[in-house]
Protein backbone atom coordinates (compact mmCIF):
# COMPACT_ATOMS: atom_id res chain seq x y z
CA UNK A 1 50.41 -124.04 101.12
CA UNK A 2 46.66 -123.75 101.73
CA UNK A 3 46.53 -120.17 103.00
CA UNK A 4 48.69 -117.04 103.04
CA UNK A 5 48.94 -114.39 105.74
CA UNK A 6 50.35 -110.87 105.74
CA UNK A 7 53.94 -111.96 106.37
CA UNK A 8 53.90 -114.39 103.44
CA UNK A 9 52.22 -111.85 101.17
CA UNK A 10 54.91 -109.28 102.00
CA UNK A 11 57.62 -111.74 100.99
CA UNK A 12 55.77 -112.54 97.75
CA UNK A 13 55.62 -108.83 96.96
CA UNK A 14 59.34 -108.40 97.68
CA UNK A 15 60.19 -111.26 95.33
CA UNK A 16 57.86 -109.91 92.64
CA UNK A 17 59.30 -106.43 92.93
CA UNK A 18 62.89 -107.70 92.74
CA UNK A 19 62.10 -109.73 89.64
CA UNK A 20 60.48 -106.73 87.96
CA UNK A 21 63.45 -104.53 88.84
CA UNK A 22 65.87 -107.12 87.48
CA UNK A 23 63.94 -107.42 84.21
CA UNK A 24 62.91 -103.79 83.68
CA UNK A 25 65.40 -103.24 80.85
CA UNK A 26 64.14 -106.39 79.17
CA UNK A 27 60.59 -105.02 79.44
CA UNK A 28 61.75 -101.59 78.22
CA UNK A 29 63.17 -103.24 75.10
CA UNK A 30 59.69 -104.49 74.15
CA UNK A 31 58.37 -100.97 73.55
CA UNK A 32 57.18 -100.85 69.96
CA UNK A 33 58.38 -97.37 69.02
CA UNK A 34 62.20 -97.30 68.72
CA UNK A 35 62.29 -93.92 70.48
CA UNK A 36 64.76 -93.03 73.27
CA UNK A 37 62.06 -92.17 75.80
CA UNK A 38 60.75 -93.23 79.21
CA UNK A 39 59.74 -96.86 79.04
CA UNK A 40 57.18 -99.30 80.38
CA UNK A 41 59.58 -101.42 82.43
CA UNK A 42 61.08 -98.40 84.14
CA UNK A 43 57.65 -96.92 84.88
CA UNK A 44 56.31 -100.19 86.33
CA UNK A 45 59.48 -100.79 88.33
CA UNK A 46 59.44 -97.31 89.90
CA UNK A 47 55.71 -97.64 90.63
CA UNK A 48 56.00 -101.03 92.32
CA UNK A 49 59.15 -100.08 94.23
CA UNK A 50 57.31 -97.09 95.72
CA UNK A 51 54.57 -99.43 96.91
CA UNK A 52 57.08 -101.82 98.49
CA UNK A 53 58.90 -98.99 100.26
CA UNK A 54 55.60 -97.86 101.80
CA UNK A 55 54.90 -101.42 102.98
CA UNK A 56 58.33 -101.57 104.58
CA UNK A 57 57.87 -98.20 106.21
CA UNK A 58 54.52 -99.28 107.72
CA UNK A 59 56.16 -102.40 109.17
CA UNK A 60 52.85 -104.26 109.54
CA UNK A 61 52.30 -107.95 108.81
CA UNK A 62 48.52 -107.69 108.99
CA UNK A 63 47.32 -108.88 105.59
CA UNK A 64 44.64 -106.28 104.89
CA UNK A 65 46.93 -103.45 106.06
CA UNK A 66 49.80 -104.70 103.90
CA UNK A 67 47.50 -104.73 100.87
CA UNK A 68 46.05 -101.31 101.68
CA UNK A 69 49.49 -99.77 102.23
CA UNK A 70 50.77 -101.29 99.00
CA UNK A 71 47.77 -99.91 97.13
CA UNK A 72 48.34 -96.42 98.51
CA UNK A 73 52.05 -96.55 97.69
CA UNK A 74 51.35 -97.69 94.14
CA UNK A 75 48.73 -94.99 93.69
CA UNK A 76 51.10 -92.22 94.76
CA UNK A 77 54.07 -93.62 92.86
CA UNK A 78 52.21 -94.51 89.65
CA UNK A 79 54.10 -93.44 86.51
CA UNK A 80 52.84 -93.83 82.97
CA UNK A 81 49.72 -95.71 81.91
CA UNK A 82 51.30 -99.07 82.75
CA UNK A 83 52.11 -97.90 86.27
CA UNK A 84 48.59 -96.57 86.80
CA UNK A 85 47.05 -99.84 85.60
CA UNK A 86 49.37 -101.79 87.90
CA UNK A 87 48.27 -99.62 90.83
CA UNK A 88 44.62 -100.27 89.98
CA UNK A 89 45.15 -104.05 89.89
CA UNK A 90 46.39 -104.06 93.48
CA UNK A 91 43.81 -101.46 94.49
CA UNK A 92 41.13 -103.94 93.43
CA UNK A 93 42.96 -106.73 95.25
CA UNK A 94 43.04 -104.66 98.44
CA UNK A 95 39.34 -103.79 98.20
CA UNK A 96 38.47 -107.49 98.09
CA UNK A 97 40.29 -108.54 101.26
CA UNK A 98 39.24 -105.89 103.77
CA UNK A 99 39.67 -107.07 107.39
CA UNK A 100 40.96 -110.53 106.38
CA UNK A 101 43.87 -111.98 108.36
CA UNK A 102 44.62 -114.70 105.83
CA UNK A 103 43.39 -115.91 102.45
CA UNK A 104 42.57 -119.36 101.17
CA UNK A 105 43.07 -120.09 97.50
CA UNK A 106 39.53 -119.11 96.45
CA UNK A 107 39.71 -115.83 98.36
CA UNK A 108 43.07 -115.04 96.78
CA UNK A 109 41.67 -115.82 93.34
CA UNK A 110 38.61 -113.63 93.94
CA UNK A 111 40.83 -110.74 95.00
CA UNK A 112 42.92 -111.07 91.84
CA UNK A 113 39.74 -111.15 89.73
CA UNK A 114 38.63 -107.92 91.39
CA UNK A 115 42.02 -106.41 90.60
CA UNK A 116 41.50 -107.09 86.91
CA UNK A 117 37.99 -105.66 87.07
CA UNK A 118 39.07 -102.43 88.77
CA UNK A 119 41.94 -102.01 86.30
CA UNK A 120 39.57 -102.24 83.34
CA UNK A 121 37.25 -99.65 84.89
CA UNK A 122 40.15 -97.22 85.30
CA UNK A 123 40.78 -97.10 81.55
CA UNK A 124 38.38 -95.06 79.46
CA UNK A 125 38.91 -97.12 76.30
CA UNK A 126 40.48 -100.48 77.20
CA UNK A 127 42.63 -101.94 74.45
CA UNK A 128 43.02 -105.71 74.11
CA UNK A 129 46.50 -107.08 73.58
CA UNK A 130 47.85 -105.13 76.53
CA UNK A 131 48.48 -105.66 80.26
CA UNK A 132 44.70 -105.51 80.71
CA UNK A 133 44.25 -108.61 78.57
CA UNK A 134 47.00 -110.48 80.40
CA UNK A 135 45.58 -109.76 83.87
CA UNK A 136 42.01 -110.57 82.79
CA UNK A 137 42.76 -113.80 80.97
CA UNK A 138 45.22 -115.10 83.56
CA UNK A 139 42.95 -114.41 86.55
CA UNK A 140 39.86 -115.76 84.74
CA UNK A 141 41.61 -118.98 83.75
CA UNK A 142 43.16 -119.50 87.19
CA UNK A 143 39.79 -118.91 88.89
CA UNK A 144 38.12 -121.54 86.71
CA UNK A 145 40.92 -123.93 87.66
CA UNK A 146 40.26 -123.28 91.35
CA UNK A 147 36.53 -123.96 90.88
CA UNK A 148 37.32 -127.24 89.12
CA UNK A 149 40.02 -128.24 91.63
CA UNK A 150 38.70 -127.11 95.06
CA UNK A 151 41.55 -128.91 96.84
CA UNK A 152 44.30 -127.03 94.99
CA UNK A 153 46.90 -125.05 96.94
CA UNK A 154 48.01 -121.44 96.71
CA UNK A 155 51.18 -122.73 95.04
CA UNK A 156 49.16 -124.47 92.33
CA UNK A 157 47.03 -121.37 91.78
CA UNK A 158 50.05 -119.10 91.32
CA UNK A 159 51.64 -121.67 88.99
CA UNK A 160 48.50 -121.68 86.82
CA UNK A 161 48.36 -117.87 86.97
CA UNK A 162 51.95 -117.68 85.67
CA UNK A 163 51.45 -120.25 82.92
CA UNK A 164 48.24 -118.67 81.64
CA UNK A 165 49.77 -115.22 82.00
CA UNK A 166 52.62 -116.34 79.73
CA UNK A 167 50.17 -117.88 77.23
CA UNK A 168 48.08 -114.69 77.23
CA UNK A 169 51.22 -112.57 76.77
CA UNK A 170 52.29 -114.72 73.82
CA UNK A 171 48.89 -114.10 72.20
CA UNK A 172 49.08 -110.30 72.43
CA UNK A 173 50.63 -109.88 68.95
CA UNK A 174 47.51 -111.53 67.49
CA UNK A 175 45.33 -108.89 69.13
CA UNK A 176 47.49 -105.84 68.32
CA UNK A 177 48.82 -105.79 64.74
CA UNK A 178 51.52 -103.27 65.66
CA UNK A 179 53.01 -105.82 68.09
CA UNK A 180 52.95 -108.50 65.43
CA UNK A 181 54.67 -106.25 62.90
CA UNK A 182 57.38 -105.29 65.38
CA UNK A 183 57.67 -108.96 66.47
CA UNK A 184 57.31 -108.24 70.16
CA UNK A 185 54.81 -109.05 72.90
CA UNK A 186 53.15 -106.37 75.02
CA UNK A 187 55.60 -104.68 77.38
CA UNK A 188 53.06 -103.99 80.16
CA UNK A 189 51.92 -107.60 80.17
CA UNK A 190 55.55 -108.70 80.35
CA UNK A 191 56.07 -106.50 83.41
CA UNK A 192 53.03 -108.01 85.12
CA UNK A 193 54.31 -111.50 84.35
CA UNK A 194 57.62 -110.62 86.01
CA UNK A 195 55.69 -109.90 89.22
CA UNK A 196 53.73 -113.16 88.89
CA UNK A 197 56.98 -115.10 88.41
CA UNK A 198 58.43 -113.43 91.49
CA UNK A 199 55.41 -114.61 93.50
CA UNK A 200 55.93 -118.17 92.27
CA UNK A 201 59.66 -118.12 93.01
CA UNK A 202 59.02 -117.21 96.64
CA UNK A 203 56.39 -119.91 97.09
CA UNK A 204 58.80 -122.45 95.58
CA UNK A 205 61.40 -121.52 98.17
CA UNK A 206 63.68 -119.51 95.87
CA UNK A 207 62.67 -115.85 96.27
CA UNK A 208 64.12 -113.47 93.69
CA UNK A 209 66.90 -111.22 94.96
CA UNK A 210 67.77 -107.80 93.58
CA UNK A 211 70.67 -108.09 91.15
CA UNK A 212 72.10 -104.58 91.54
CA UNK A 213 74.42 -104.31 94.54
CA UNK A 214 73.63 -100.62 95.05
CA UNK A 215 69.87 -101.19 94.96
CA UNK A 216 70.21 -104.23 97.20
CA UNK A 217 72.15 -102.15 99.74
CA UNK A 218 69.49 -99.45 99.60
CA UNK A 219 66.73 -101.98 100.25
CA UNK A 220 68.69 -103.55 103.13
CA UNK A 221 69.22 -100.13 104.69
CA UNK A 222 65.52 -99.34 104.26
CA UNK A 223 64.65 -102.48 106.24
CA UNK A 224 66.86 -101.34 109.15
CA UNK A 225 66.22 -97.63 109.04
CA UNK A 226 64.04 -95.58 106.71
CA UNK A 227 66.51 -92.70 106.57
CA UNK A 228 66.33 -88.96 107.06
CA UNK A 229 63.85 -86.41 105.79
CA UNK A 230 66.23 -83.73 104.54
CA UNK A 231 64.66 -80.37 103.75
CA UNK A 232 66.11 -77.02 102.86
CA UNK A 233 65.15 -73.68 101.39
CA UNK A 234 67.95 -72.30 99.23
CA UNK A 235 68.47 -68.77 97.94
CA UNK A 236 70.25 -69.01 94.60
CA UNK A 237 73.44 -66.94 94.32
CA UNK A 238 74.15 -64.88 91.21
CA UNK A 239 76.31 -67.69 89.87
CA UNK A 240 73.79 -70.28 91.03
CA UNK A 241 71.05 -68.63 88.98
CA UNK A 242 73.11 -69.27 85.85
CA UNK A 243 74.22 -72.79 86.82
CA UNK A 244 70.96 -74.15 88.27
CA UNK A 245 68.94 -76.39 85.93
CA UNK A 246 66.07 -78.25 87.57
CA UNK A 247 66.31 -81.37 85.39
CA UNK A 248 70.05 -81.68 86.06
CA UNK A 249 69.55 -81.01 89.78
CA UNK A 250 66.88 -83.72 90.03
CA UNK A 251 69.17 -86.17 88.26
CA UNK A 252 71.94 -85.42 90.75
CA UNK A 253 69.54 -85.83 93.69
CA UNK A 254 68.29 -89.17 92.30
CA UNK A 255 71.69 -90.67 93.19
CA UNK A 256 70.69 -90.33 96.83
CA UNK A 257 66.93 -90.94 96.63
CA UNK A 258 63.99 -91.43 94.26
CA UNK A 259 61.63 -89.84 96.81
CA UNK A 260 62.02 -86.09 96.38
CA UNK A 261 60.21 -82.80 96.01
CA UNK A 262 61.90 -79.90 94.19
CA UNK A 263 60.16 -76.57 93.66
CA UNK A 264 61.69 -73.42 92.23
CA UNK A 265 60.04 -70.10 93.00
CA UNK A 266 62.07 -67.35 91.37
CA UNK A 267 65.48 -67.26 93.04
CA UNK A 268 64.37 -69.69 95.76
CA UNK A 269 64.61 -73.48 95.58
CA UNK A 270 62.73 -75.66 98.08
CA UNK A 271 63.81 -79.28 98.46
CA UNK A 272 62.59 -82.30 100.41
CA UNK A 273 64.50 -85.60 100.04
CA UNK A 274 64.25 -88.90 101.91
CA UNK A 275 67.83 -90.18 102.02
CA UNK A 276 70.38 -92.14 104.01
CA UNK A 277 73.05 -89.48 103.31
CA UNK A 278 71.70 -86.00 104.17
CA UNK A 279 75.18 -84.46 104.22
CA UNK A 280 75.75 -85.26 100.55
CA UNK A 281 72.37 -83.77 99.65
CA UNK A 282 73.24 -80.55 101.49
CA UNK A 283 76.64 -80.40 99.78
CA UNK A 284 74.90 -80.64 96.43
CA UNK A 285 72.46 -77.84 97.26
CA UNK A 286 75.16 -75.55 98.63
CA UNK A 287 76.81 -75.37 95.21
CA UNK A 288 74.01 -73.10 94.03
CA UNK A 289 73.63 -70.61 96.85
CA UNK A 290 73.02 -70.02 100.56
CA UNK A 291 70.62 -71.92 102.80
CA UNK A 292 67.72 -69.95 104.25
CA UNK A 293 66.44 -72.88 106.31
CA UNK A 294 67.60 -76.48 106.90
CA UNK A 295 65.83 -79.31 108.69
CA UNK A 296 67.00 -82.93 109.02
CA UNK A 297 64.86 -85.43 110.89
CA UNK A 298 64.12 -89.14 110.99
CA UNK A 299 61.45 -90.10 108.47
CA UNK A 300 59.52 -91.72 111.32
CA UNK A 301 59.32 -88.39 113.18
CA UNK A 302 56.21 -86.29 112.71
CA UNK A 303 58.14 -83.04 112.69
CA UNK A 304 56.44 -80.21 110.82
CA UNK A 305 57.92 -79.60 107.38
CA UNK A 306 59.74 -76.29 106.91
CA UNK A 307 58.51 -76.29 103.31
CA UNK A 308 54.91 -76.35 104.49
CA UNK A 309 55.73 -73.58 106.98
CA UNK A 310 57.08 -71.50 104.12
CA UNK A 311 53.99 -72.11 102.06
CA UNK A 312 51.79 -70.73 104.84
CA UNK A 313 53.29 -67.33 104.10
CA UNK A 314 51.80 -67.33 100.59
CA UNK A 315 49.27 -64.81 99.40
CA UNK A 316 45.55 -65.32 99.79
CA UNK A 317 43.74 -68.01 97.85
CA UNK A 318 43.14 -67.29 94.18
CA UNK A 319 40.52 -68.65 91.85
CA UNK A 320 42.69 -70.55 89.34
CA UNK A 321 46.09 -72.18 89.00
CA UNK A 322 47.66 -74.26 86.24
CA UNK A 323 50.18 -77.10 86.35
CA UNK A 324 51.95 -78.21 83.21
CA UNK A 325 54.38 -81.04 82.46
CA UNK A 326 57.47 -80.29 80.37
CA UNK A 327 61.17 -81.13 80.07
CA UNK A 328 63.67 -78.47 79.06
CA UNK A 329 64.43 -75.03 80.46
CA UNK A 330 63.05 -73.27 77.39
CA UNK A 331 59.71 -75.04 77.66
CA UNK A 332 59.57 -74.41 81.41
CA UNK A 333 60.01 -70.67 80.88
CA UNK A 334 57.52 -70.67 78.00
CA UNK A 335 54.77 -72.32 80.06
CA UNK A 336 55.46 -69.94 82.93
CA UNK A 337 55.07 -67.02 80.50
CA UNK A 338 51.72 -68.53 79.53
CA UNK A 339 50.51 -68.34 83.17
CA UNK A 340 51.39 -71.82 84.41
CA UNK A 341 52.04 -71.63 88.15
CA UNK A 342 54.12 -74.81 88.35
CA UNK A 343 55.88 -76.76 85.60
CA UNK A 344 56.43 -80.35 86.71
CA UNK A 345 59.66 -81.67 85.27
CA UNK A 346 58.99 -84.63 83.00
CA UNK A 347 57.44 -85.73 79.77
CA UNK A 348 58.42 -88.37 77.27
CA UNK A 349 61.76 -89.13 78.93
CA UNK A 350 60.43 -89.39 82.49
CA UNK A 351 56.76 -89.67 83.34
CA UNK A 352 55.96 -87.87 86.62
CA UNK A 353 54.10 -89.83 89.27
CA UNK A 354 50.75 -89.11 90.86
CA UNK A 355 52.67 -87.99 93.95
CA UNK A 356 54.57 -85.43 91.87
CA UNK A 357 51.25 -83.82 90.95
CA UNK A 358 49.96 -84.02 94.52
CA UNK A 359 53.12 -82.31 95.80
CA UNK A 360 52.71 -79.55 93.22
CA UNK A 361 49.05 -79.01 94.09
CA UNK A 362 49.83 -78.72 97.80
CA UNK A 363 52.04 -75.74 96.98
CA UNK A 364 49.22 -73.90 95.24
CA UNK A 365 46.69 -71.76 97.02
CA UNK A 366 43.87 -71.91 94.47
CA UNK A 367 40.27 -73.15 94.36
CA UNK A 368 40.43 -74.64 90.86
CA UNK A 369 43.54 -76.26 89.40
CA UNK A 370 44.02 -77.27 85.77
CA UNK A 371 46.60 -79.97 84.97
CA UNK A 372 48.10 -80.14 81.46
CA UNK A 373 49.80 -83.58 81.12
CA UNK A 374 51.04 -82.88 77.56
CA UNK A 375 51.61 -86.59 76.98
CA UNK A 376 49.12 -89.43 76.58
CA UNK A 377 51.18 -91.61 78.92
CA UNK A 378 50.79 -89.12 81.78
CA UNK A 379 47.02 -88.51 81.61
CA UNK A 380 46.03 -91.47 83.81
CA UNK A 381 48.48 -90.52 86.56
CA UNK A 382 47.14 -86.95 86.47
CA UNK A 383 43.56 -88.20 86.71
CA UNK A 384 44.37 -90.25 89.79
CA UNK A 385 45.08 -87.01 91.65
CA UNK A 386 41.35 -86.56 92.18
CA UNK A 387 41.38 -89.73 94.33
CA UNK A 388 43.95 -88.15 96.63
CA UNK A 389 43.14 -84.42 96.67
CA UNK A 390 39.73 -83.79 98.22
CA UNK A 391 39.87 -80.14 99.25
CA UNK A 392 40.51 -78.64 95.80
CA UNK A 393 38.82 -78.84 92.42
CA UNK A 394 41.30 -80.55 90.09
CA UNK A 395 40.61 -80.61 86.34
CA UNK A 396 42.74 -82.52 83.82
CA UNK A 397 42.85 -81.07 80.31
CA UNK A 398 43.56 -83.98 77.95
CA UNK A 399 46.61 -82.47 76.26
CA UNK A 400 48.77 -85.16 74.66
CA UNK A 401 51.62 -82.99 73.38
CA UNK A 402 53.55 -79.83 74.18
CA UNK A 403 51.98 -77.84 71.27
CA UNK A 404 48.52 -78.84 72.55
CA UNK A 405 49.47 -77.72 76.05
CA UNK A 406 50.67 -74.35 74.85
CA UNK A 407 47.46 -73.77 72.87
CA UNK A 408 45.37 -74.75 75.88
CA UNK A 409 47.28 -72.21 78.00
CA UNK A 410 46.62 -69.47 75.47
CA UNK A 411 42.90 -70.32 75.44
CA UNK A 412 42.61 -70.06 79.23
CA UNK A 413 40.59 -67.05 80.40
CA UNK A 414 40.95 -66.10 84.09
CA UNK A 415 37.63 -64.24 83.95
CA UNK A 416 35.62 -67.26 82.68
CA UNK A 417 34.11 -70.01 84.84
CA UNK A 418 35.54 -73.54 85.13
CA UNK A 419 33.20 -75.15 82.61
CA UNK A 420 33.80 -72.50 79.95
CA UNK A 421 37.55 -72.68 80.45
CA UNK A 422 37.54 -76.45 80.12
CA UNK A 423 35.53 -76.19 76.91
CA UNK A 424 37.80 -73.51 75.44
CA UNK A 425 40.98 -75.33 76.39
CA UNK A 426 39.68 -78.62 74.99
CA UNK A 427 38.72 -76.95 71.73
CA UNK A 428 42.13 -75.32 71.50
CA UNK A 429 44.08 -78.52 72.05
CA UNK A 430 41.90 -80.47 69.57
CA UNK A 431 42.65 -77.87 66.89
CA UNK A 432 46.38 -78.65 67.01
CA UNK A 433 48.11 -81.22 64.84
CA UNK A 434 51.33 -82.37 66.50
CA UNK A 435 54.48 -83.64 64.87
CA UNK A 436 57.92 -84.48 66.22
CA UNK A 437 61.34 -85.46 64.96
CA UNK A 438 63.58 -87.89 66.83
CA UNK A 439 66.03 -90.71 66.16
CA UNK A 440 65.68 -94.50 66.30
CA UNK A 441 67.47 -96.44 69.03
CA UNK A 442 67.12 -99.86 67.38
CA UNK A 443 66.43 -101.64 64.10
CA UNK A 444 62.78 -102.55 63.62
CA UNK A 445 59.95 -102.87 61.15
CA UNK A 446 56.90 -100.83 62.14
CA UNK A 447 53.94 -99.39 60.27
CA UNK A 448 55.50 -100.43 56.98
CA UNK A 449 58.78 -98.59 57.66
CA UNK A 450 62.07 -100.47 57.71
CA UNK A 451 63.85 -98.46 60.40
CA UNK A 452 67.52 -98.68 61.29
CA UNK A 453 69.25 -97.50 64.44
CA UNK A 454 70.27 -93.87 64.06
CA UNK A 455 67.63 -93.05 61.43
CA UNK A 456 65.57 -89.91 61.97
CA UNK A 457 61.81 -90.31 62.18
CA UNK A 458 59.03 -87.84 61.55
CA UNK A 459 56.08 -88.72 63.80
CA UNK A 460 52.62 -87.26 63.15
CA UNK A 461 50.51 -87.63 66.29
CA UNK A 462 51.45 -91.27 67.14
CA UNK A 463 52.23 -92.50 63.64
CA UNK A 464 55.65 -92.68 62.02
CA UNK A 465 55.18 -91.04 58.61
CA UNK A 466 58.76 -90.19 57.62
CA UNK A 467 62.13 -91.90 57.95
CA UNK A 468 65.38 -90.36 56.76
CA UNK A 469 69.12 -90.51 57.34
CA UNK A 470 69.40 -86.77 57.92
CA UNK A 471 67.65 -84.71 60.60
CA UNK A 472 66.75 -81.76 58.38
CA UNK A 473 65.45 -84.03 55.62
CA UNK A 474 63.07 -85.72 58.07
CA UNK A 475 62.01 -82.34 59.50
CA UNK A 476 61.18 -80.72 56.16
CA UNK A 477 59.29 -83.80 54.93
CA UNK A 478 57.28 -83.88 58.16
CA UNK A 479 56.40 -80.19 57.73
CA UNK A 480 55.16 -80.99 54.22
CA UNK A 481 53.00 -83.79 55.62
CA UNK A 482 51.48 -81.54 58.27
CA UNK A 483 50.73 -78.25 56.50
CA UNK A 484 47.77 -78.09 54.16
CA UNK A 485 45.56 -75.43 52.58
CA UNK A 486 43.64 -74.85 55.82
CA UNK A 487 46.72 -74.38 58.00
CA UNK A 488 47.10 -70.88 59.44
CA UNK A 489 49.62 -71.14 62.28
CA UNK A 490 52.80 -73.21 62.68
CA UNK A 491 54.75 -73.48 65.93
CA UNK A 492 58.29 -74.86 65.86
CA UNK A 493 59.89 -75.88 69.17
CA UNK A 494 63.60 -76.65 68.90
CA UNK A 495 65.25 -79.26 71.12
CA UNK A 496 68.55 -79.14 72.94
CA UNK A 497 70.45 -80.69 70.00
CA UNK A 498 69.29 -78.13 67.39
CA UNK A 499 71.79 -75.53 66.23
CA UNK A 500 70.95 -71.96 65.27
CA UNK A 501 71.80 -72.82 61.66
CA UNK A 502 69.36 -75.73 61.64
CA UNK A 503 66.65 -73.55 63.15
CA UNK A 504 67.25 -70.92 60.47
CA UNK A 505 67.00 -73.60 57.79
CA UNK A 506 63.58 -74.70 59.08
CA UNK A 507 62.36 -71.11 59.29
CA UNK A 508 63.47 -70.37 55.71
CA UNK A 509 61.92 -73.59 54.42
CA UNK A 510 58.50 -72.71 55.84
CA UNK A 511 58.63 -69.05 54.81
CA UNK A 512 59.68 -69.95 51.26
CA UNK A 513 57.02 -72.62 50.76
CA UNK A 514 53.98 -71.72 52.85
CA UNK A 515 51.83 -68.70 53.69
CA UNK A 516 51.33 -69.26 57.40
CA UNK A 517 52.05 -67.42 60.62
CA UNK A 518 55.22 -68.84 62.16
CA UNK A 519 56.21 -68.98 65.83
CA UNK A 520 59.66 -70.36 66.66
CA UNK A 521 60.64 -71.22 70.21
CA UNK A 522 63.77 -72.73 71.78
CA UNK A 523 62.40 -75.45 74.05
CA UNK A 524 65.71 -77.20 74.84
CA UNK A 525 63.77 -80.44 75.29
CA UNK A 526 65.66 -83.76 75.23
CA UNK A 527 64.96 -86.65 72.82
CA UNK A 528 62.94 -84.67 70.27
CA UNK A 529 64.90 -82.39 67.93
CA UNK A 530 61.74 -80.64 66.86
CA UNK A 531 58.17 -80.48 68.13
CA UNK A 532 55.79 -79.01 65.57
CA UNK A 533 52.27 -77.71 66.07
CA UNK A 534 50.00 -76.85 63.16
CA UNK A 535 46.65 -75.09 63.55
């Protein structure tokens, strides 16, 4: 094949997406830290699937429009750093083929080179031995091959891209010692290679099919009909107020769709879901109260959203608003007490997408909006919001943990200007040392620790400093590692698995051994038994 057009490119993308979806658990397993959290393969799969769904919805086979639609879908659906980088690769690809109806092998190679270039620019401090290395080395090598073999076909180019991508991936442990110690290759690079391999499979006449029957059915239905935009505004009943948990509700909704918006405002819950089964979505919502408004329409229709109508009734524009990311009802309430207007559900166990932030911002009537990601793997997705939101000033405070986010909230002054608030919030978050206690999901050797599945780990910032068989042993040792002579304030945030007795034990341990101010909160967060902040 000497050239590709939009129709062929669409089929290549479908095959690449299916291969990534099939292998996402394999990619997840390559994550270095043996922590039960949201993983690279899942993030990349959800990101790329969102892009493919947008391409399907557009229905075009014009090459430049397919690439542009894919880029937009990836941007909005980007989750985690790996998902953001993936979106930037295809953003660069799209930028390089504007107005082209088809691509020869050199044009395709140039577009891939631009994808690697744009991806590198999107990362403040690029790290070698990651997906960035794999995309750069594979596209560089394949482009040199094209220059040396001007008669080569698209098929040959993709074959070289895959082979060099695999060779680059195999070299990643030599560039990142932590990969070498854990005896794994880079997970993000592995996800990218899955997409490459899907491209090659299609061009060889054996496109990759989705393995999961349920996902395959969903994709087939999406090709025939995009589904229904199902919206409702629900007033929680007295019983519903006790039963309703946003994280659990989102999980239930995810059985019908991954494209959703859920916003709770006091006793009111506003929901928008794209689904093939609107009746089941309404049945789920009705468990918690009475409907104030319902609207069901074809996704293709341009009917005005009842959620947007409701938002028009909001109070006049205010100067500031804050959005925070957290998982757990206790943390949600805590951030709301600290003046956060919206708490986006997510964190270590599920990284919210760029679109999640955009949806939250559209519900706020404020001139300046501060986003607190509270996780290093969410910062890039939060930063991409500025590419989408043009009518509001969006500022991302670089909080990498829940304790940092809480300190940043406390430092916020509604009477100060934007620059002073950013400075104060940055200073506050930098003053916090963060620790956490969780359990290992696999056997591994990392950072000199021989870790076994089920062991408890004490993590200081991003480094495992303690391993122990017992939860409280790991917690107390981590506290000892964090508190020093200059420490004045300690914040303990208990997870959903922590009992009152265990919380009392931690409180007594600190009070008996250290002269510090102590703040204990019940966060009810998953995965991490304790989050600890020391200032």
